[in-house]
Structure formats: structure tokens, C-alpha cells
Protein backbone atom coordinates (compact mmCIF):
# COMPACT_ATOMS: atom_id res chain seq x y z
CA UNK A 1 6.88 2.27 11.37
CA UNK A 2 3.75 0.97 9.68
CA UNK A 3 0.71 0.26 11.83
CA UNK A 4 -2.54 -1.41 10.74
CA UNK A 5 -5.77 -0.16 12.31
CA UNK A 6 -9.22 -1.65 11.80
CA UNK A 7 -11.57 1.15 10.77
CA UNK A 8 -15.22 1.87 9.99
CA UNK A 9 -14.22 4.37 7.30
CA UNK A 10 -11.41 5.36 4.96
CA UNK A 11 -9.90 8.38 6.75
CA UNK A 12 -7.74 9.05 9.80
CA UNK A 13 -10.84 10.65 11.35
CA UNK A 14 -12.80 7.38 10.99
CA UNK A 15 -13.75 5.47 14.13
CA UNK A 16 -11.75 2.36 14.96
CA UNK A 17 -13.77 -0.74 14.06
CA UNK A 18 -13.80 -3.08 17.08
CA UNK A 19 -13.67 -6.08 14.72
CA UNK A 20 -10.41 -7.02 13.04
CA UNK A 21 -11.06 -9.76 10.49
CA UNK A 22 -14.48 -8.42 9.57
CA UNK A 23 -13.71 -4.70 9.81
CA UNK A 24 -15.02 -2.65 6.91
CA UNK A 25 -11.56 -1.20 6.25
CA UNK A 26 -8.03 -1.51 7.49
CA UNK A 27 -5.78 1.53 7.32
CA UNK A 28 -2.02 1.06 7.05
CA UNK A 29 -0.49 4.21 8.54
CA UNK A 30 3.17 5.28 8.42
CA UNK A 31 3.70 6.73 11.91
CA UNK A 32 6.57 8.94 10.71
CA UNK A 33 4.71 10.71 7.91
CA UNK A 34 1.05 9.95 8.76
CA UNK A 35 0.57 8.91 5.14
CA UNK A 36 -1.80 5.97 4.88
CA UNK A 37 -3.22 3.37 2.59
CA UNK A 38 -6.81 2.20 2.90
CA UNK A 39 -7.56 -1.48 2.40
CA UNK A 40 -11.13 -2.38 1.50
CA UNK A 41 -11.75 -5.47 3.62
CA UNK A 42 -15.16 -6.30 2.10
CA UNK A 43 -13.92 -9.65 0.80
CA UNK A 44 -13.43 -10.78 4.40
CA UNK A 45 -16.51 -9.14 5.92
CA UNK A 46 -18.88 -11.79 4.58
CA UNK A 47 -16.50 -14.72 4.35
CA UNK A 48 -17.71 -17.98 5.85
CA UNK A 49 -14.52 -18.54 7.85
CA UNK A 50 -10.89 -17.46 7.97
CA UNK A 51 -11.55 -13.70 7.90
CA UNK A 52 -9.06 -12.99 10.67
CA UNK A 53 -6.33 -15.13 9.14
CA UNK A 54 -6.82 -13.51 5.73
CA UNK A 55 -6.77 -10.00 7.22
CA UNK A 56 -3.65 -10.85 9.25
CA UNK A 57 -1.87 -12.10 6.13
CA UNK A 58 -2.93 -8.98 4.24
CA UNK A 59 -1.53 -6.53 6.80
CA UNK A 60 1.71 -8.49 7.12
CA UNK A 61 2.11 -8.39 3.34
CA UNK A 62 1.69 -4.58 3.54
CA UNK A 63 4.58 -4.35 6.01
CA UNK A 64 2.64 -3.56 9.19
CA UNK A 65 4.60 -4.10 12.39
CA UNK A 66 1.67 -3.40 14.73
CA UNK A 67 -2.08 -4.05 14.61
CA UNK A 68 -4.43 -1.82 16.60
CA UNK A 69 -8.02 -3.05 16.89
CA UNK A 70 -10.82 -3.70 19.33
CA UNK A 71 -10.94 -7.49 19.28
CA UNK A 72 -8.57 -10.05 17.81
CA UNK A 73 -9.53 -13.73 17.74
CA UNK A 74 -7.17 -16.61 18.49
CA UNK A 75 -6.52 -17.69 14.89
CA UNK A 76 -5.76 -14.16 13.71
CA UNK A 77 -3.64 -13.53 16.81
CA UNK A 78 -1.61 -16.70 16.21
CA UNK A 79 -1.05 -15.72 12.58
CA UNK A 80 0.06 -12.22 13.58
CA UNK A 81 2.30 -13.54 16.34
CA UNK A 82 3.98 -15.99 13.95
CA UNK A 83 4.62 -13.08 11.55
CA UNK A 84 6.10 -10.92 14.30
CA UNK A 85 3.27 -8.36 14.23
CA UNK A 86 2.54 -6.89 17.68
CA UNK A 87 -1.10 -6.45 18.69
CA UNK A 88 -2.81 -3.69 20.66
CA UNK A 89 -6.42 -4.60 21.48
CA UNK A 90 -9.33 -2.78 23.12
CA UNK A 91 -8.57 0.30 20.98
CA UNK A 92 -11.28 2.98 20.78
CA UNK A 93 -11.61 6.45 19.28
CA UNK A 94 -10.49 7.42 15.81
CA UNK A 95 -7.71 5.96 13.71
CA UNK A 96 -5.69 9.17 14.10
CA UNK A 97 -6.11 9.14 17.88
CA UNK A 98 -4.95 5.52 18.00
CA UNK A 99 -1.81 6.37 16.02
CA UNK A 100 -1.05 9.28 18.35
CA UNK A 101 -1.35 6.98 21.38
CA UNK A 102 1.08 4.55 19.77
CA UNK A 103 3.52 7.34 18.92
CA UNK A 104 3.34 8.62 22.51
CA UNK A 105 4.06 5.10 23.80
CA UNK A 106 0.73 5.04 25.66
CA UNK A 107 -0.41 1.59 24.54
CA UNK A 108 0.09 -1.91 25.89
CA UNK A 109 0.84 -4.78 23.57
CA UNK A 110 -1.16 -7.91 24.30
CA UNK A 111 0.14 -11.44 24.54
CA UNK A 112 -3.12 -13.23 23.74
CA UNK A 113 -6.35 -12.92 21.79
CA UNK A 114 -9.30 -11.17 23.40
CA UNK A 115 -12.14 -12.67 21.37
CA UNK A 116 -13.55 -16.14 20.89
CA UNK A 117 -12.91 -18.15 17.76
CA UNK A 118 -15.69 -18.18 15.18
CA UNK A 119 -16.17 -21.70 13.91
């Protein structure tokens, strides 16, 4: 399975970025092999609006089935939900630790956003 994780750096040892749409990077990790692709999210970091929607579209296009992040706003959450991508919020620690929690089935999928919209 492919999982997308918002990250402050480009490695599995990087801390999870609590922001989704404006995270510095998003790592797409294959949970079976632990191989990963790093997405530079700088185009969305400084965007005026729509960062979450753009990031959600990007991870869906990469084949992610799950997003793990700290906070996910309502527009991004709706986009992910429509695409069938499950969301785990309030994630802390490193990217690698987050993947291990998912693999061990020690996460709860959320059914709503946990951040306010940015207008």
C-alpha cells in the first residue's frame, strides 16, 4: 500500500510536518518495501489559497491510499474523501515511525477535518 506523509525533510527519519497542504515535503511510502518518493511541496507552501486541495490531488495522482499528517483542513479532507483516500490526523514523530504505526494497525482513521479552513 502507498501512504502519503507530510514531512519537514526528505528522509524516513524526518519529522512529520503537522501541516498538510503547506508541508515542506510529502513522502509517498510503499509500506511493503519501505521504498519512498519525496515530493517537493514548495509550490503549495506559499500559495495564496488551495494548497490543501492541490496537495490532495497530488498524492491521489501518486496512488496514495492513506494520508498521515498533523492537521487536515476541510477542503483538503473533502477532496481526499471524494478520492477514497483515508486520513490519519494528529500524527507525530518521524515519517518512519508513522509508517510503522500504520503497518501495526495502531492508527485511527478520521471521518472529518481537524483544522479550520484558510480563506
